C-alpha atoms as a PDB file:
ATOM      1  CA  MET A   1      13.823  92.665  51.777  1.00  0.00           C
ATOM      2  CA  VAL A   2      17.417  92.490  52.807  1.00  0.00           C
ATOM      3  CA  SER A   3      20.300  92.038  50.258  1.00  0.00           C
ATOM      4  CA  ALA A   4      22.174  88.653  49.855  1.00  0.00           C
ATOM      5  CA  TYR A   5      25.501  87.630  48.488  1.00  0.00           C
ATOM      6  CA  THR A   6      26.451  85.009  45.977  1.00  0.00           C
ATOM      7  CA  PRO A   7      28.570  82.151  47.598  1.00  0.00           C
ATOM      8  CA  ARG A   8      31.646  82.127  45.314  1.00  0.00           C
ATOM      9  CA  ASN A   9      32.347  85.679  44.262  1.00  0.00           C
ATOM     10  CA  ARG A  10      30.250  87.453  46.974  1.00  0.00           C
ATOM     11  CA  LEU A  11      28.343  89.636  44.654  1.00  0.00           C
ATOM     12  CA  ASN A  12      25.471  91.693  46.045  1.00  0.00           C
ATOM     13  CA  LYS A  13      21.993  90.387  45.245  1.00  0.00           C
ATOM     14  CA  GLN A  14      19.747  93.233  46.148  1.00  0.00           C
ATOM     15  CA  GLY A  15      16.500  92.488  47.667  1.00  0.00           C
ATOM     16  CA  THR A  16      13.308  93.314  45.952  1.00  0.00           C
ATOM     17  CA  GLY A  17      12.517  97.046  46.709  1.00  0.00           C
ATOM     18  CA  ASP A  18      15.892  97.809  48.407  1.00  0.00           C
ATOM     19  CA  ASN A  19      18.028 100.946  47.722  1.00  0.00           C
ATOM     20  CA  THR A  20      15.333 103.065  46.259  1.00  0.00           C
ATOM     21  CA  ASN A  21      17.012 105.659  44.004  1.00  0.00           C
ATOM     22  CA  THR A  22      20.533 104.259  44.716  1.00  0.00           C
ATOM     23  CA  TRP A  23      20.042 100.568  43.425  1.00  0.00           C
ATOM     24  CA  GLY A  24      22.241 101.535  40.259  1.00  0.00           C
ATOM     25  CA  LEU A  25      25.196 102.392  42.419  1.00  0.00           C
ATOM     26  CA  VAL A  26      24.939  99.413  44.383  1.00  0.00           C
ATOM     27  CA  LEU A  27      24.490  97.284  41.238  1.00  0.00           C
ATOM     28  CA  ASN A  28      27.534  98.879  39.693  1.00  0.00           C
ATOM     29  CA  ASP A  29      29.842  98.643  42.669  1.00  0.00           C
ATOM     30  CA  GLY A  30      28.471  95.503  44.348  1.00  0.00           C
ATOM     31  CA  ALA A  31      28.144  93.426  41.360  1.00  0.00           C
ATOM     32  CA  ILE A  32      29.372  94.562  37.860  1.00  0.00           C
ATOM     33  CA  GLU A  33      32.820  95.836  39.144  1.00  0.00           C
ATOM     34  CA  LEU A  34      33.201  92.816  41.139  1.00  0.00           C
ATOM     35  CA  ILE A  35      32.307  90.482  38.222  1.00  0.00           C
ATOM     36  CA  ASP A  36      34.941  92.255  36.210  1.00  0.00           C
ATOM     37  CA  ALA A  37      37.470  91.493  38.880  1.00  0.00           C
ATOM     38  CA  ALA A  38      36.404  87.881  39.202  1.00  0.00           C
ATOM     39  CA  LEU A  39      36.767  87.375  35.461  1.00  0.00           C
ATOM     40  CA  ASP A  40      40.290  89.205  34.819  1.00  0.00           C
ATOM     41  CA  GLY A  41      41.301  90.756  37.930  1.00  0.00           C
ATOM     42  CA  TRP A  42      44.810  90.556  39.156  1.00  0.00           C
ATOM     43  CA  ALA A  43      45.892  90.640  42.882  1.00  0.00           C
ATOM     44  CA  THR A  44      49.529  90.911  44.159  1.00  0.00           C
ATOM     45  CA  VAL A  45      49.907  89.270  47.713  1.00  0.00           C
ATOM     46  CA  PRO A  46      53.072  89.428  49.730  1.00  0.00           C
ATOM     47  CA  VAL A  47      53.663  86.059  51.317  1.00  0.00           C
ATOM     48  CA  SER A  48      56.412  85.591  53.961  1.00  0.00           C
ATOM     49  CA  ALA A  49      54.300  83.759  56.513  1.00  0.00           C
ATOM     50  CA  PRO A  50      50.711  82.149  56.399  1.00  0.00           C
ATOM     51  CA  VAL A  51      48.309  84.390  54.680  1.00  0.00           C
ATOM     52  CA  THR A  52      44.465  84.138  54.313  1.00  0.00           C
ATOM     53  CA  LEU A  53      43.364  85.864  51.187  1.00  0.00           C
ATOM     54  CA  THR A  54      40.799  88.605  51.958  1.00  0.00           C
ATOM     55  CA  SER A  55      37.133  87.705  51.171  1.00  0.00           C
ATOM     56  CA  VAL A  56      34.461  90.533  51.673  1.00  0.00           C
ATOM     57  CA  ASN A  57      30.807  90.493  50.749  1.00  0.00           C
ATOM     58  CA  GLY A  58      30.006  93.070  48.025  1.00  0.00           C
ATOM     59  CA  ALA A  59      33.397  94.943  47.981  1.00  0.00           C
ATOM     60  CA  ALA A  60      36.838  94.498  46.564  1.00  0.00           C
ATOM     61  CA  ASP A  61      39.054  91.785  47.975  1.00  0.00           C
ATOM     62  CA  GLN A  62      42.036  89.579  46.985  1.00  0.00           C
ATOM     63  CA  SER A  63      40.302  86.162  46.540  1.00  0.00           C
ATOM     64  CA  ARG A  64      37.868  87.287  43.967  1.00  0.00           C
ATOM     65  CA  SER A  65      40.563  88.164  41.405  1.00  0.00           C
ATOM     66  CA  ARG A  66      41.253  85.527  38.726  1.00  0.00           C
ATOM     67  CA  THR A  67      45.146  86.011  38.738  1.00  0.00           C
ATOM     68  CA  LEU A  68      47.103  85.910  41.927  1.00  0.00           C
ATOM     69  CA  LYS A  69      50.810  87.113  41.840  1.00  0.00           C
ATOM     70  CA  LEU A  70      52.396  85.885  45.126  1.00  0.00           C
ATOM     71  CA  THR A  71      55.541  87.649  46.277  1.00  0.00           C
ATOM     72  CA  GLY A  72      57.960  87.232  49.176  1.00  0.00           C
ATOM     73  CA  ALA A  73      59.886  84.429  50.722  1.00  0.00           C
ATOM     74  CA  GLY A  74      57.018  81.979  50.543  1.00  0.00           C
ATOM     75  CA  GLY A  75      54.499  80.214  52.749  1.00  0.00           C
ATOM     76  CA  THR A  76      51.030  78.928  52.987  1.00  0.00           C
ATOM     77  CA  VAL A  77      48.167  80.814  51.184  1.00  0.00           C
ATOM     78  CA  THR A  78      44.608  79.938  52.343  1.00  0.00           C
ATOM     79  CA  LEU A  79      41.925  80.439  49.632  1.00  0.00           C
ATOM     80  CA  PRO A  80      38.224  80.591  50.363  1.00  0.00           C
ATOM     81  CA  ALA A  81      36.649  77.098  50.611  1.00  0.00           C
ATOM     82  CA  VAL A  82      34.437  77.540  47.554  1.00  0.00           C
ATOM     83  CA  GLU A  83      34.547  76.332  44.019  1.00  0.00           C
ATOM     84  CA  LYS A  84      36.909  78.558  41.903  1.00  0.00           C
ATOM     85  CA  TRP A  85      39.912  78.483  39.812  1.00  0.00           C
ATOM     86  CA  PHE A  86      42.883  80.773  39.763  1.00  0.00           C
ATOM     87  CA  TRP A  87      45.964  81.478  37.595  1.00  0.00           C
ATOM     88  CA  VAL A  88      48.841  81.597  40.210  1.00  0.00           C
ATOM     89  CA  TRP A  89      52.372  83.190  39.622  1.00  0.00           C
ATOM     90  CA  ASN A  90      54.852  82.604  42.342  1.00  0.00           C
ATOM     91  CA  ALA A  91      57.080  85.688  41.856  1.00  0.00           C
ATOM     92  CA  GLY A  92      58.509  84.961  45.366  1.00  0.00           C
ATOM     93  CA  SER A  93      61.677  83.275  46.367  1.00  0.00           C
ATOM     94  CA  GLY A  94      60.169  80.281  48.106  1.00  0.00           C
ATOM     95  CA  ASN A  95      57.488  77.630  47.592  1.00  0.00           C
ATOM     96  CA  MET A  96      53.855  78.783  47.993  1.00  0.00           C
ATOM     97  CA  VAL A  97      51.445  76.329  49.281  1.00  0.00           C
ATOM     98  CA  LEU A  98      47.861  76.796  48.371  1.00  0.00           C
ATOM     99  CA  THR A  99      45.163  75.352  50.753  1.00  0.00           C
ATOM    100  CA  VAL A 100      41.482  75.741  51.695  1.00  0.00           C
ATOM    101  CA  GLY A 101      42.191  73.971  54.936  1.00  0.00           C
ATOM    102  CA  GLY A 102      41.747  70.568  53.484  1.00  0.00           C
ATOM    103  CA  VAL A 103      44.078  67.566  52.955  1.00  0.00           C
ATOM    104  CA  THR A 104      44.857  68.414  49.205  1.00  0.00           C
ATOM    105  CA  THR A 105      47.052  71.300  48.639  1.00  0.00           C
ATOM    106  CA  ALA A 106      49.051  72.570  45.643  1.00  0.00           C
ATOM    107  CA  THR A 107      52.542  73.684  45.852  1.00  0.00           C
ATOM    108  CA  ILE A 108      53.920  76.123  43.446  1.00  0.00           C
ATOM    109  CA  GLU A 109      57.673  76.669  43.091  1.00  0.00           C
ATOM    110  CA  PRO A 110      59.434  80.125  42.424  1.00  0.00           C
ATOM    111  CA  ASN A 111      58.876  81.453  38.926  1.00  0.00           C
ATOM    112  CA  ASP A 112      56.197  78.775  38.251  1.00  0.00           C
ATOM    113  CA  LYS A 113      52.733  80.024  36.783  1.00  0.00           C
ATOM    114  CA  LEU A 114      50.064  77.401  37.171  1.00  0.00           C
ATOM    115  CA  LEU A 115      46.448  76.851  36.848  1.00  0.00           C
ATOM    116  CA  VAL A 116      44.861  75.752  40.233  1.00  0.00           C
ATOM    117  CA  LEU A 117      41.361  74.961  41.065  1.00  0.00           C
ATOM    118  CA  THR A 118      39.470  74.156  44.288  1.00  0.00           C
ATOM    119  CA  ASP A 119      36.237  72.342  44.892  1.00  0.00           C
ATOM    120  CA  GLY A 120      36.046  73.980  48.346  1.00  0.00           C
ATOM    121  CA  LEU A 121      37.689  70.744  50.075  1.00  0.00           C
ATOM    122  CA  GLY A 122      41.068  70.682  48.263  1.00  0.00           C
ATOM    123  CA  VAL A 123      43.247  72.635  45.884  1.00  0.00           C
ATOM    124  CA  TYR A 124      44.476  70.970  42.769  1.00  0.00           C
ATOM    125  CA  SER A 125      47.092  72.117  40.125  1.00  0.00           C
ATOM    126  CA  LEU A 126      47.365  71.297  36.536  1.00  0.00           C
ATOM    127  CA  SER A 127      48.255  67.502  36.081  1.00  0.00           C
ATOM    128  CA  ILE A 128      49.005  64.867  33.616  1.00  0.00           C
ATOM    129  CA  ALA A 129      48.444  61.155  34.484  1.00  0.00           C
ATOM    130  CA  GLY A 130      47.645  62.186  38.082  1.00  0.00           C
ATOM    131  CA  LEU A 131      51.037  63.997  38.399  1.00  0.00           C
ATOM    132  CA  ALA A 132      51.755  67.694  38.562  1.00  0.00           C
ATOM    133  CA  LEU A 133      53.493  68.828  35.490  1.00  0.00           C
ATOM    134  CA  LYS A 134      56.834  69.065  37.023  1.00  0.00           C
ATOM    135  CA  GLN A 135      56.441  65.652  38.613  1.00  0.00           C
ATOM    136  CA  TYR A 136      55.276  64.210  35.278  1.00  0.00           C
ATOM    137  CA  ILE A 137      58.462  65.407  33.696  1.00  0.00           C
ATOM    138  CA  ASP A 138      60.672  64.165  36.452  1.00  0.00           C
ATOM    139  CA  THR A 139      58.872  60.834  36.864  1.00  0.00           C
ATOM    140  CA  ALA A 140      57.605  59.835  33.524  1.00  0.00           C
ATOM    141  CA  ILE A 141      60.081  61.316  31.096  1.00  0.00           C
ATOM    142  CA  LEU A 142      63.423  61.781  32.985  1.00  0.00           C
ATOM    143  CA  ALA A 143      62.883  58.490  34.648  1.00  0.00           C
ATOM    144  CA  THR A 144      63.860  56.738  31.389  1.00  0.00           C
ATOM    145  CA  THR A 145      67.199  58.272  30.971  1.00  0.00           C
ATOM    146  CA  GLY A 146      68.251  59.863  34.346  1.00  0.00           C
ATOM    147  CA  SER A 147      68.536  63.260  33.146  1.00  0.00           C
ATOM    148  CA  LEU A 148      68.255  65.501  30.045  1.00  0.00           C
ATOM    149  CA  PRO A 149      71.304  65.978  27.934  1.00  0.00           C
ATOM    150  CA  ALA A 150      73.372  69.173  28.625  1.00  0.00           C
ATOM    151  CA  THR A 151      72.620  72.100  26.500  1.00  0.00           C
ATOM    152  CA  THR A 152      76.327  72.854  25.767  1.00  0.00           C
ATOM    153  CA  GLY A 153      77.192  71.363  22.323  1.00  0.00           C
ATOM    154  CA  ASN A 154      73.579  70.815  21.420  1.00  0.00           C
ATOM    155  CA  GLU A 155      72.666  74.103  19.948  1.00  0.00           C
ATOM    156  CA  GLY A 156      69.979  73.823  17.133  1.00  0.00           C
ATOM    157  CA  LYS A 157      69.129  70.152  18.002  1.00  0.00           C
ATOM    158  CA  VAL A 158      65.987  68.520  19.215  1.00  0.00           C
ATOM    159  CA  LEU A 159      65.399  65.508  21.542  1.00  0.00           C
ATOM    160  CA  VAL A 160      64.468  62.556  19.501  1.00  0.00           C
ATOM    161  CA  VAL A 161      63.704  58.978  20.812  1.00  0.00           C
ATOM    162  CA  ARG A 162      66.043  56.658  19.146  1.00  0.00           C
ATOM    163  CA  SER A 163      66.673  53.089  20.489  1.00  0.00           C
ATOM    164  CA  LEU A 164      64.288  53.702  23.333  1.00  0.00           C
ATOM    165  CA  ALA A 165      66.352  56.659  24.763  1.00  0.00           C
ATOM    166  CA  TRP A 166      66.259  60.491  24.268  1.00  0.00           C
ATOM    167  CA  THR A 167      69.024  61.529  22.023  1.00  0.00           C
ATOM    168  CA  PRO A 168      69.914  65.197  21.096  1.00  0.00           C
ATOM    169  CA  SER A 169      70.442  65.271  17.422  1.00  0.00           C
ATOM    170  CA  GLN A 170      69.565  67.066  14.246  1.00  0.00           C
ATOM    171  CA  VAL A 171      66.613  65.350  12.583  1.00  0.00           C
ATOM    172  CA  ALA A 172      67.342  64.005   9.190  1.00  0.00           C
ATOM    173  CA  THR A 173      64.863  64.808   6.356  1.00  0.00           C
ATOM    174  CA  SER A 174      64.316  60.994   5.862  1.00  0.00           C
ATOM    175  CA  GLU A 175      62.861  60.935   9.322  1.00  0.00           C
ATOM    176  CA  LEU A 176      60.178  63.565   8.395  1.00  0.00           C
ATOM    177  CA  SER A 177      57.888  61.608   6.028  1.00  0.00           C
ATOM    178  CA  ASP A 178      56.102  64.645   4.675  1.00  0.00           C
ATOM    179  CA  ILE A 179      59.496  66.417   3.641  1.00  0.00           C
ATOM    180  CA  ALA A 180      60.939  63.181   2.162  1.00  0.00           C
ATOM    181  CA  THR A 181      57.985  62.681   0.067  1.00  0.00           C
ATOM    182  CA  TYR A 182      58.023  66.196  -1.107  1.00  0.00           C
ATOM    183  CA  THR A 183      61.556  66.213  -1.629  1.00  0.00           C
ATOM    184  CA  ALA A 184      61.452  63.073  -3.790  1.00  0.00           C
ATOM    185  CA  ALA A 185      58.525  64.391  -5.933  1.00  0.00           C
ATOM    186  CA  ARG A 186      60.448  67.687  -6.524  1.00  0.00           C
ATOM    187  CA  ARG A 187      63.527  65.771  -7.499  1.00  0.00           C
ATOM    188  CA  ALA A 188      61.535  63.624  -9.927  1.00  0.00           C
ATOM    189  CA  GLU A 189      60.083  66.797 -11.549  1.00  0.00           C
ATOM    190  CA  ALA A 190      63.382  68.314 -11.941  1.00  0.00           C
ATOM    191  CA  ILE A 191      64.895  65.168 -13.749  1.00  0.00           C
ATOM    192  CA  ALA A 192      61.797  65.085 -15.914  1.00  0.00           C
ATOM    193  CA  PHE A 193      62.276  68.734 -16.829  1.00  0.00           C
ATOM    194  CA  ALA A 194      65.857  68.257 -17.523  1.00  0.00           C
ATOM    195  CA  VAL A 195      65.299  65.354 -19.693  1.00  0.00           C
ATOM    196  CA  ALA A 196      62.599  67.197 -21.737  1.00  0.00           C
ATOM    197  CA  LEU A 197      65.197  69.998 -22.513  1.00  0.00           C
END
């Protein structure tokens, strides 16, 4: 019987009776090592023009790795059209567009590290309310104020919503109900102790 390969990670499925006296080597190199790469492997891929990740049956390749570090000036990266997910780090200087050849793609900006998945038809990045994380922050949060406050002069402060707007300020202990309750209880104990003396 002839060996076959799994559809997503291209692992060697030896046929019954194949590879007499060498099946262990085929199992180790064509399956176990490749499973290790599929779970936690790391591939660095230079991208300065359209790139299709290598995809090889029963041998090491780029697209089996769980983490992709993309370097270079940017461009389109074509993933295999199978169900899979990747951690992708754009360590390059331009946008990286991930595709499987379908309509839906995922764009990763320089220095971003995102989780992307594919159903074999499109590529999707982590999203909230149907928006990519950066789009969500830009659209859903920054749209209410127009922009975040400048960092200069706001050291040690947090953003707090007051009067329906983001305000950089230090939070008062009265705004932290647990701390306010704890402080009032300790103050009462101190007064009771002082009176008892």
